[in-house]
Amino acid sequence: MHSFRLVPEIKLNTEQAISAYNRVAADPEFLELERRREIARHNEASALRQAREQADEQWRGVMAEKDAENEKLRRQNTSKDEEIARLRLQLQANSKN
């Protein structure tokens, strides 16, 4: 297998490396790229937060609907239980006659 290098290896001492880094870090193009990366990170975090908030809101809505439906069913069951109790009393009264 062949090893290809697109950029030739450069050997620098520490001072040269620091100087090269400082030149690159001060370059307006580099600074603009860093600014855009920061904006992209911020936008991504904002989008994730907004998606989480929307999901929470949807979940609360679904839970509220479920709770309302459960309450409706509970009232229906209570009404049926009361009707069953009334019919039992009526049957007992009729069986004594």
PDB file of N, CA and C in Angstrom:
ATOM      1  N   MET A   1       0.840  -1.166   0.000  1.00  0.00           N
ATOM      2  CA  MET A   1       0.000   0.000   0.000  1.00  0.00           C
ATOM      3  C   MET A   1       0.894   1.240   0.000  1.00  0.00           C
ATOM      4  N   HIS A   2       0.502   2.188  -0.826  1.00  0.00           N
ATOM      5  CA  HIS A   2       1.291   3.406  -0.942  1.00  0.00           C
ATOM      6  C   HIS A   2       0.767   4.481  -0.003  1.00  0.00           C
ATOM      7  N   SER A   3       1.680   5.257   0.515  1.00  0.00           N
ATOM      8  CA  SER A   3       1.320   6.368   1.379  1.00  0.00           C
ATOM      9  C   SER A   3       1.520   7.651   0.590  1.00  0.00           C
ATOM     10  N   PHE A   4       0.435   8.387   0.394  1.00  0.00           N
ATOM     11  CA  PHE A   4       0.528   9.635  -0.345  1.00  0.00           C
ATOM     12  C   PHE A   4       0.348  10.800   0.615  1.00  0.00           C
ATOM     13  N   ARG A   5       1.147  11.804   0.440  1.00  0.00           N
ATOM     14  CA  ARG A   5       1.036  13.012   1.254  1.00  0.00           C
ATOM     15  C   ARG A   5       0.610  14.154   0.349  1.00  0.00           C
ATOM     16  N   LEU A   6      -0.518  14.770   0.711  1.00  0.00           N
ATOM     17  CA  LEU A   6      -0.979  15.915  -0.059  1.00  0.00           C
ATOM     18  C   LEU A   6      -0.227  17.175   0.348  1.00  0.00           C
ATOM     19  N   VAL A   7       0.188  17.208   1.613  1.00  0.00           N
ATOM     20  CA  VAL A   7       0.945  18.344   2.118  1.00  0.00           C
ATOM     21  C   VAL A   7       2.287  17.807   2.595  1.00  0.00           C
ATOM     22  N   PRO A   8       3.351  18.404   2.155  1.00  0.00           N
ATOM     23  CA  PRO A   8       4.661  17.893   2.597  1.00  0.00           C
ATOM     24  C   PRO A   8       4.841  18.095   4.105  1.00  0.00           C
ATOM     25  N   GLU A   9       5.551  17.178   4.704  1.00  0.00           N
ATOM     26  CA  GLU A   9       5.813  17.275   6.139  1.00  0.00           C
ATOM     27  C   GLU A   9       6.767  18.436   6.388  1.00  0.00           C
ATOM     28  N   ILE A  10       6.410  19.254   7.356  1.00  0.00           N
ATOM     29  CA  ILE A  10       7.248  20.404   7.699  1.00  0.00           C
ATOM     30  C   ILE A  10       7.695  20.222   9.140  1.00  0.00           C
ATOM     31  N   LYS A  11       8.964  20.360   9.366  1.00  0.00           N
ATOM     32  CA  LYS A  11       9.498  20.226  10.723  1.00  0.00           C
ATOM     33  C   LYS A  11       9.769  21.618  11.260  1.00  0.00           C
ATOM     34  N   LEU A  12       9.088  21.936  12.389  1.00  0.00           N
ATOM     35  CA  LEU A  12       9.241  23.247  12.998  1.00  0.00           C
ATOM     36  C   LEU A  12       9.671  23.084  14.445  1.00  0.00           C
ATOM     37  N   ASN A  13      10.415  24.041  14.911  1.00  0.00           N
ATOM     38  CA  ASN A  13      10.696  24.035  16.338  1.00  0.00           C
ATOM     39  C   ASN A  13       9.506  24.704  17.035  1.00  0.00           C
ATOM     40  N   THR A  14       9.524  24.726  18.353  1.00  0.00           N
ATOM     41  CA  THR A  14       8.393  25.238  19.122  1.00  0.00           C
ATOM     42  C   THR A  14       8.099  26.690  18.797  1.00  0.00           C
ATOM     43  N   GLU A  15       9.103  27.521  18.739  1.00  0.00           N
ATOM     44  CA  GLU A  15       8.890  28.941  18.436  1.00  0.00           C
ATOM     45  C   GLU A  15       8.288  29.130  17.060  1.00  0.00           C
ATOM     46  N   GLN A  16       8.770  28.372  16.089  1.00  0.00           N
ATOM     47  CA  GLN A  16       8.234  28.479  14.737  1.00  0.00           C
ATOM     48  C   GLN A  16       6.769  28.011  14.702  1.00  0.00           C
ATOM     49  N   ALA A  17       6.475  26.959  15.432  1.00  0.00           N
ATOM     50  CA  ALA A  17       5.109  26.440  15.466  1.00  0.00           C
ATOM     51  C   ALA A  17       4.161  27.456  16.101  1.00  0.00           C
ATOM     52  N   ILE A  18       4.588  28.057  17.208  1.00  0.00           N
ATOM     53  CA  ILE A  18       3.764  29.064  17.880  1.00  0.00           C
ATOM     54  C   ILE A  18       3.565  30.274  16.966  1.00  0.00           C
ATOM     55  N   SER A  19       4.614  30.692  16.307  1.00  0.00           N
ATOM     56  CA  SER A  19       4.534  31.835  15.398  1.00  0.00           C
ATOM     57  C   SER A  19       3.586  31.520  14.243  1.00  0.00           C
ATOM     58  N   ALA A  20       3.676  30.331  13.696  1.00  0.00           N
ATOM     59  CA  ALA A  20       2.791  29.941  12.592  1.00  0.00           C
ATOM     60  C   ALA A  20       1.339  29.914  13.073  1.00  0.00           C
ATOM     61  N   TYR A  21       1.101  29.376  14.257  1.00  0.00           N
ATOM     62  CA  TYR A  21      -0.260  29.340  14.820  1.00  0.00           C
ATOM     63  C   TYR A  21      -0.796  30.750  15.000  1.00  0.00           C
ATOM     64  N   ASN A  22       0.010  31.631  15.543  1.00  0.00           N
ATOM     65  CA  ASN A  22      -0.425  33.015  15.773  1.00  0.00           C
ATOM     66  C   ASN A  22      -0.767  33.727  14.460  1.00  0.00           C
ATOM     67  N   ARG A  23       0.021  33.460  13.422  1.00  0.00           N
ATOM     68  CA  ARG A  23      -0.262  34.070  12.117  1.00  0.00           C
ATOM     69  C   ARG A  23      -1.595  33.560  11.566  1.00  0.00           C
ATOM     70  N   VAL A  24      -1.812  32.258  11.661  1.00  0.00           N
ATOM     71  CA  VAL A  24      -3.065  31.670  11.162  1.00  0.00           C
ATOM     72  C   VAL A  24      -4.236  32.165  11.992  1.00  0.00           C
ATOM     73  N   ALA A  25      -4.081  32.179  13.318  1.00  0.00           N
ATOM     74  CA  ALA A  25      -5.171  32.582  14.205  1.00  0.00           C
ATOM     75  C   ALA A  25      -5.544  34.046  14.031  1.00  0.00           C
ATOM     76  N   ALA A  26      -4.644  34.864  13.562  1.00  0.00           N
ATOM     77  CA  ALA A  26      -4.909  36.291  13.370  1.00  0.00           C
ATOM     78  C   ALA A  26      -5.427  36.585  11.969  1.00  0.00           C
ATOM     79  N   ASP A  27      -5.392  35.611  11.095  1.00  0.00           N
ATOM     80  CA  ASP A  27      -5.814  35.803   9.709  1.00  0.00           C
ATOM     81  C   ASP A  27      -7.318  36.081   9.656  1.00  0.00           C
ATOM     82  N   PRO A  28      -7.751  37.135   8.971  1.00  0.00           N
ATOM     83  CA  PRO A  28      -9.179  37.471   8.901  1.00  0.00           C
ATOM     84  C   PRO A  28     -10.050  36.320   8.366  1.00  0.00           C
ATOM     85  N   GLU A  29      -9.534  35.583   7.405  1.00  0.00           N
ATOM     86  CA  GLU A  29     -10.299  34.446   6.859  1.00  0.00           C
ATOM     87  C   GLU A  29     -10.513  33.378   7.936  1.00  0.00           C
ATOM     88  N   PHE A  30      -9.455  33.091   8.707  1.00  0.00           N
ATOM     89  CA  PHE A  30      -9.565  32.118   9.802  1.00  0.00           C
ATOM     90  C   PHE A  30     -10.555  32.617  10.856  1.00  0.00           C
ATOM     91  N   LEU A  31     -10.455  33.897  11.195  1.00  0.00           N
ATOM     92  CA  LEU A  31     -11.356  34.467  12.189  1.00  0.00           C
ATOM     93  C   LEU A  31     -12.813  34.398  11.718  1.00  0.00           C
ATOM     94  N   GLU A  32     -13.028  34.657  10.426  1.00  0.00           N
ATOM     95  CA  GLU A  32     -14.381  34.586   9.879  1.00  0.00           C
ATOM     96  C   GLU A  32     -14.902  33.149   9.928  1.00  0.00           C
ATOM     97  N   LEU A  33     -14.062  32.174   9.618  1.00  0.00           N
ATOM     98  CA  LEU A  33     -14.472  30.769   9.699  1.00  0.00           C
ATOM     99  C   LEU A  33     -14.820  30.388  11.135  1.00  0.00           C
ATOM    100  N   GLU A  34     -14.048  30.840  12.077  1.00  0.00           N
ATOM    101  CA  GLU A  34     -14.334  30.559  13.487  1.00  0.00           C
ATOM    102  C   GLU A  34     -15.639  31.219  13.924  1.00  0.00           C
ATOM    103  N   ARG A  35     -15.863  32.453  13.442  1.00  0.00           N
ATOM    104  CA  ARG A  35     -17.107  33.153  13.768  1.00  0.00           C
ATOM    105  C   ARG A  35     -18.300  32.372  13.218  1.00  0.00           C
ATOM    106  N   ARG A  36     -18.169  31.897  11.987  1.00  0.00           N
ATOM    107  CA  ARG A  36     -19.263  31.125  11.377  1.00  0.00           C
ATOM    108  C   ARG A  36     -19.478  29.798  12.098  1.00  0.00           C
ATOM    109  N   ARG A  37     -18.412  29.160  12.521  1.00  0.00           N
ATOM    110  CA  ARG A  37     -18.553  27.911  13.289  1.00  0.00           C
ATOM    111  C   ARG A  37     -19.302  28.160  14.594  1.00  0.00           C
ATOM    112  N   GLU A  38     -18.968  29.259  15.259  1.00  0.00           N
ATOM    113  CA  GLU A  38     -19.628  29.603  16.522  1.00  0.00           C
ATOM    114  C   GLU A  38     -21.114  29.872  16.288  1.00  0.00           C
ATOM    115  N   ILE A  39     -21.432  30.583  15.219  1.00  0.00           N
ATOM    116  CA  ILE A  39     -22.836  30.843  14.885  1.00  0.00           C
ATOM    117  C   ILE A  39     -23.556  29.524  14.599  1.00  0.00           C
ATOM    118  N   ALA A  40     -22.903  28.636  13.859  1.00  0.00           N
ATOM    119  CA  ALA A  40     -23.505  27.332  13.542  1.00  0.00           C
ATOM    120  C   ALA A  40     -23.750  26.523  14.814  1.00  0.00           C
ATOM    121  N   ARG A  41     -22.786  26.530  15.735  1.00  0.00           N
ATOM    122  CA  ARG A  41     -22.977  25.817  17.011  1.00  0.00           C
ATOM    123  C   ARG A  41     -24.152  26.417  17.783  1.00  0.00           C
ATOM    124  N   HIS A  42     -24.231  27.738  17.813  1.00  0.00           N
ATOM    125  CA  HIS A  42     -25.327  28.411  18.507  1.00  0.00           C
ATOM    126  C   HIS A  42     -26.665  28.069  17.852  1.00  0.00           C
ATOM    127  N   ASN A  43     -26.718  28.122  16.526  1.00  0.00           N
ATOM    128  CA  ASN A  43     -27.950  27.808  15.810  1.00  0.00           C
ATOM    129  C   ASN A  43     -28.386  26.362  16.057  1.00  0.00           C
ATOM    130  N   GLU A  44     -27.429  25.461  16.072  1.00  0.00           N
ATOM    131  CA  GLU A  44     -27.747  24.055  16.325  1.00  0.00           C
ATOM    132  C   GLU A  44     -28.306  23.883  17.739  1.00  0.00           C
ATOM    133  N   ALA A  45     -27.670  24.513  18.713  1.00  0.00           N
ATOM    134  CA  ALA A  45     -28.152  24.420  20.093  1.00  0.00           C
ATOM    135  C   ALA A  45     -29.551  25.023  20.212  1.00  0.00           C
ATOM    136  N   SER A  46     -29.783  26.140  19.532  1.00  0.00           N
ATOM    137  CA  SER A  46     -31.102  26.770  19.574  1.00  0.00           C
ATOM    138  C   SER A  46     -32.156  25.878  18.940  1.00  0.00           C
ATOM    139  N   ALA A  47     -31.819  25.271  17.820  1.00  0.00           N
ATOM    140  CA  ALA A  47     -32.762  24.378  17.133  1.00  0.00           C
ATOM    141  C   ALA A  47     -33.082  23.164  18.000  1.00  0.00           C
ATOM    142  N   LEU A  48     -32.076  22.613  18.654  1.00  0.00           N
ATOM    143  CA  LEU A  48     -32.308  21.462  19.532  1.00  0.00           C
ATOM    144  C   LEU A  48     -33.185  21.853  20.716  1.00  0.00           C
ATOM    145  N   ARG A  49     -32.924  23.009  21.301  1.00  0.00           N
ATOM    146  CA  ARG A  49     -33.732  23.474  22.423  1.00  0.00           C
ATOM    147  C   ARG A  49     -35.178  23.689  21.987  1.00  0.00           C
ATOM    148  N   GLN A  50     -35.364  24.316  20.829  1.00  0.00           N
ATOM    149  CA  GLN A  50     -36.715  24.563  20.330  1.00  0.00           C
ATOM    150  C   GLN A  50     -37.436  23.243  20.038  1.00  0.00           C
ATOM    151  N   ALA A  51     -36.749  22.281  19.454  1.00  0.00           N
ATOM    152  CA  ALA A  51     -37.359  20.972  19.172  1.00  0.00           C
ATOM    153  C   ALA A  51     -37.758  20.289  20.476  1.00  0.00           C
ATOM    154  N   ARG A  52     -36.902  20.383  21.486  1.00  0.00           N
ATOM    155  CA  ARG A  52     -37.204  19.776  22.792  1.00  0.00           C
ATOM    156  C   ARG A  52     -38.429  20.446  23.412  1.00  0.00           C
ATOM    157  N   GLU A  53     -38.497  21.782  23.322  1.00  0.00           N
ATOM    158  CA  GLU A  53     -39.638  22.510  23.875  1.00  0.00           C
ATOM    159  C   GLU A  53     -40.929  22.153  23.147  1.00  0.00           C
ATOM    160  N   GLN A  54     -40.858  21.998  21.824  1.00  0.00           N
ATOM    161  CA  GLN A  54     -42.042  21.611  21.052  1.00  0.00           C
ATOM    162  C   GLN A  54     -42.491  20.199  21.420  1.00  0.00           C
ATOM    163  N   ALA A  55     -41.526  19.304  21.576  1.00  0.00           N
ATOM    164  CA  ALA A  55     -41.863  17.930  21.963  1.00  0.00           C
ATOM    165  C   ALA A  55     -42.507  17.911  23.351  1.00  0.00           C
ATOM    166  N   ASP A  56     -41.968  18.703  24.272  1.00  0.00           N
ATOM    167  CA  ASP A  56     -42.550  18.784  25.619  1.00  0.00           C
ATOM    168  C   ASP A  56     -43.978  19.315  25.552  1.00  0.00           C
ATOM    169  N   GLU A  57     -44.194  20.346  24.731  1.00  0.00           N
ATOM    170  CA  GLU A  57     -45.527  20.931  24.591  1.00  0.00           C
ATOM    171  C   GLU A  57     -46.502  19.903  24.009  1.00  0.00           C
ATOM    172  N   GLN A  58     -46.061  19.175  22.992  1.00  0.00           N
ATOM    173  CA  GLN A  58     -46.921  18.139  22.401  1.00  0.00           C
ATOM    174  C   GLN A  58     -47.231  17.067  23.432  1.00  0.00           C
ATOM    175  N   TRP A  59     -46.232  16.673  24.201  1.00  0.00           N
ATOM    176  CA  TRP A  59     -46.436  15.641  25.223  1.00  0.00           C
ATOM    177  C   TRP A  59     -47.462  16.115  26.246  1.00  0.00           C
ATOM    178  N   ARG A  60     -47.331  17.378  26.693  1.00  0.00           N
ATOM    179  CA  ARG A  60     -48.294  17.911  27.660  1.00  0.00           C
ATOM    180  C   ARG A  60     -49.707  17.917  27.077  1.00  0.00           C
ATOM    181  N   GLY A  61     -49.836  18.267  25.793  1.00  0.00           N
ATOM    182  CA  GLY A  61     -51.143  18.264  25.140  1.00  0.00           C
ATOM    183  C   GLY A  61     -51.745  16.873  25.076  1.00  0.00           C
ATOM    184  N   VAL A  62     -50.933  15.898  24.706  1.00  0.00           N
ATOM    185  CA  VAL A  62     -51.409  14.509  24.634  1.00  0.00           C
ATOM    186  C   VAL A  62     -51.812  14.022  26.019  1.00  0.00           C
ATOM    187  N   MET A  63     -51.005  14.342  27.018  1.00  0.00           N
ATOM    188  CA  MET A  63     -51.333  13.911  28.384  1.00  0.00           C
ATOM    189  C   MET A  63     -52.616  14.569  28.877  1.00  0.00           C
ATOM    190  N   ALA A  64     -52.834  15.837  28.536  1.00  0.00           N
ATOM    191  CA  ALA A  64     -54.057  16.529  28.944  1.00  0.00           C
ATOM    192  C   ALA A  64     -55.275  15.868  28.290  1.00  0.00           C
ATOM    193  N   GLU A  65     -55.146  15.518  27.001  1.00  0.00           N
ATOM    194  CA  GLU A  65     -56.238  14.817  26.317  1.00  0.00           C
ATOM    195  C   GLU A  65     -56.512  13.467  26.964  1.00  0.00           C
ATOM    196  N   LYS A  66     -55.448  12.741  27.274  1.00  0.00           N
ATOM    197  CA  LYS A  66     -55.584  11.426  27.904  1.00  0.00           C
ATOM    198  C   LYS A  66     -56.243  11.557  29.272  1.00  0.00           C
ATOM    199  N   ASP A  67     -55.802  12.538  30.052  1.00  0.00           N
ATOM    200  CA  ASP A  67     -56.388  12.751  31.376  1.00  0.00           C
ATOM    201  C   ASP A  67     -57.875  13.086  31.272  1.00  0.00           C
ATOM    202  N   ALA A  68     -58.237  13.926  30.285  1.00  0.00           N
ATOM    203  CA  ALA A  68     -59.645  14.288  30.098  1.00  0.00           C
ATOM    204  C   ALA A  68     -60.464  13.058  29.708  1.00  0.00           C
ATOM    205  N   GLU A  69     -59.919  12.242  28.825  1.00  0.00           N
ATOM    206  CA  GLU A  69     -60.615  11.011  28.410  1.00  0.00           C
ATOM    207  C   GLU A  69     -60.744  10.049  29.588  1.00  0.00           C
ATOM    208  N   ASN A  70     -59.694   9.927  30.377  1.00  0.00           N
ATOM    209  CA  ASN A  70     -59.762   9.049  31.557  1.00  0.00           C
ATOM    210  C   ASN A  70     -60.807   9.545  32.554  1.00  0.00           C
ATOM    211  N   GLU A  71     -60.889  10.854  32.735  1.00  0.00           N
ATOM    212  CA  GLU A  71     -61.886  11.414  33.645  1.00  0.00           C
ATOM    213  C   GLU A  71     -63.300  11.142  33.135  1.00  0.00           C
ATOM    214  N   LYS A  72     -63.492  11.281  31.836  1.00  0.00           N
ATOM    215  CA  LYS A  72     -64.795  10.998  31.226  1.00  0.00           C
ATOM    216  C   LYS A  72     -65.172   9.526  31.452  1.00  0.00           C
ATOM    217  N   LEU A  73     -64.223   8.636  31.233  1.00  0.00           N
ATOM    218  CA  LEU A  73     -64.483   7.202  31.447  1.00  0.00           C
ATOM    219  C   LEU A  73     -64.755   6.909  32.922  1.00  0.00           C
ATOM    220  N   ARG A  74     -64.036   7.576  33.817  1.00  0.00           N
ATOM    221  CA  ARG A  74     -64.264   7.373  35.248  1.00  0.00           C
ATOM    222  C   ARG A  74     -65.685   7.788  35.622  1.00  0.00           C
ATOM    223  N   ARG A  75     -66.139   8.927  35.096  1.00  0.00           N
ATOM    224  CA  ARG A  75     -67.511   9.380  35.375  1.00  0.00           C
ATOM    225  C   ARG A  75     -68.543   8.401  34.812  1.00  0.00           C
ATOM    226  N   GLN A  76     -68.283   7.884  33.610  1.00  0.00           N
ATOM    227  CA  GLN A  76     -69.191   6.906  33.014  1.00  0.00           C
ATOM    228  C   GLN A  76     -69.260   5.644  33.874  1.00  0.00           C
ATOM    229  N   ASN A  77     -68.091   5.191  34.347  1.00  0.00           N
ATOM    230  CA  ASN A  77     -68.053   3.996  35.199  1.00  0.00           C
ATOM    231  C   ASN A  77     -68.792   4.230  36.510  1.00  0.00           C
ATOM    232  N   THR A  78     -68.614   5.414  37.086  1.00  0.00           N
ATOM    233  CA  THR A  78     -69.316   5.744  38.332  1.00  0.00           C
ATOM    234  C   THR A  78     -70.820   5.721  38.093  1.00  0.00           C
ATOM    235  N   SER A  79     -71.237   6.294  36.977  1.00  0.00           N
ATOM    236  CA  SER A  79     -72.660   6.307  36.631  1.00  0.00           C
ATOM    237  C   SER A  79     -73.182   4.881  36.455  1.00  0.00           C
ATOM    238  N   LYS A  80     -72.409   4.037  35.800  1.00  0.00           N
ATOM    239  CA  LYS A  80     -72.810   2.628  35.596  1.00  0.00           C
ATOM    240  C   LYS A  80     -72.855   1.886  36.927  1.00  0.00           C
ATOM    241  N   ASP A  81     -71.872   2.146  37.797  1.00  0.00           N
ATOM    242  CA  ASP A  81     -71.866   1.509  39.121  1.00  0.00           C
ATOM    243  C   ASP A  81     -73.109   1.907  39.922  1.00  0.00           C
ATOM    244  N   GLU A  82     -73.464   3.182  39.824  1.00  0.00           N
ATOM    245  CA  GLU A  82     -74.665   3.641  40.527  1.00  0.00           C
ATOM    246  C   GLU A  82     -75.919   2.979  39.960  1.00  0.00           C
ATOM    247  N   GLU A  83     -75.973   2.824  38.651  1.00  0.00           N
ATOM    248  CA  GLU A  83     -77.118   2.164  38.014  1.00  0.00           C
ATOM    249  C   GLU A  83     -77.196   0.696  38.414  1.00  0.00           C
ATOM    250  N   ILE A  84     -76.045   0.028  38.471  1.00  0.00           N
ATOM    251  CA  ILE A  84     -76.008  -1.383  38.886  1.00  0.00           C
ATOM    252  C   ILE A  84     -76.502  -1.513  40.329  1.00  0.00           C
ATOM    253  N   ALA A  85     -76.049  -0.637  41.204  1.00  0.00           N
ATOM    254  CA  ALA A  85     -76.480  -0.671  42.605  1.00  0.00           C
ATOM    255  C   ALA A  85     -77.990  -0.446  42.701  1.00  0.00           C
ATOM    256  N   ARG A  86     -78.516   0.489  41.923  1.00  0.00           N
ATOM    257  CA  ARG A  86     -79.958   0.754  41.927  1.00  0.00           C
ATOM    258  C   ARG A  86     -80.737  -0.462  41.438  1.00  0.00           C
ATOM    259  N   LEU A  87     -80.249  -1.103  40.367  1.00  0.00           N
ATOM    260  CA  LEU A  87     -80.934  -2.291  39.841  1.00  0.00           C
ATOM    261  C   LEU A  87     -80.881  -3.458  40.825  1.00  0.00           C
ATOM    262  N   ARG A  88     -79.773  -3.613  41.547  1.00  0.00           N
ATOM    263  CA  ARG A  88     -79.668  -4.670  42.562  1.00  0.00           C
ATOM    264  C   ARG A  88     -80.719  -4.470  43.656  1.00  0.00           C
ATOM    265  N   LEU A  89     -80.824  -3.223  44.113  1.00  0.00           N
ATOM    266  CA  LEU A  89     -81.836  -2.916  45.131  1.00  0.00           C
ATOM    267  C   LEU A  89     -83.243  -3.191  44.607  1.00  0.00           C
ATOM    268  N   GLN A  90     -83.487  -2.845  43.361  1.00  0.00           N
ATOM    269  CA  GLN A  90     -84.781  -3.080  42.767  1.00  0.00           C
ATOM    270  C   GLN A  90     -85.068  -4.581  42.667  1.00  0.00           C
ATOM    271  N   LEU A  91     -84.037  -5.348  42.256  1.00  0.00           N
ATOM    272  CA  LEU A  91     -84.206  -6.827  42.184  1.00  0.00           C
ATOM    273  C   LEU A  91     -84.479  -7.407  43.560  1.00  0.00           C
ATOM    274  N   GLN A  92     -83.743  -6.947  44.549  1.00  0.00           N
ATOM    275  CA  GLN A  92     -83.967  -7.442  45.920  1.00  0.00           C
ATOM    276  C   GLN A  92     -85.378  -7.116  46.396  1.00  0.00           C
ATOM    277  N   ALA A  93     -85.823  -5.927  46.082  1.00  0.00           N
ATOM    278  CA  ALA A  93     -87.176  -5.515  46.492  1.00  0.00           C
ATOM    279  C   ALA A  93     -88.226  -6.354  45.753  1.00  0.00           C
ATOM    280  N   ASN A  94     -87.993  -6.618  44.481  1.00  0.00           N
ATOM    281  CA  ASN A  94     -88.943  -7.419  43.682  1.00  0.00           C
ATOM    282  C   ASN A  94     -88.954  -8.874  44.119  1.00  0.00           C
ATOM    283  N   SER A  95     -87.789  -9.382  44.542  1.00  0.00           N
ATOM    284  CA  SER A  95     -87.718 -10.803  44.951  1.00  0.00           C
ATOM    285  C   SER A  95     -88.396 -11.024  46.296  1.00  0.00           C
ATOM    286  N   LYS A  96     -88.534 -10.006  47.113  1.00  0.00           N
ATOM    287  CA  LYS A  96     -89.212 -10.105  48.399  1.00  0.00           C
ATOM    288  C   LYS A  96     -90.723 -10.040  48.231  1.00  0.00           C
ATOM    289  N   ASN A  97     -91.191  -9.531  47.121  1.00  0.00           N
ATOM    290  CA  ASN A  97     -92.648  -9.401  46.884  1.00  0.00           C
ATOM    291  C   ASN A  97     -93.238 -10.646  46.377  1.00  0.00           C
TER     292      ASN A  97
END
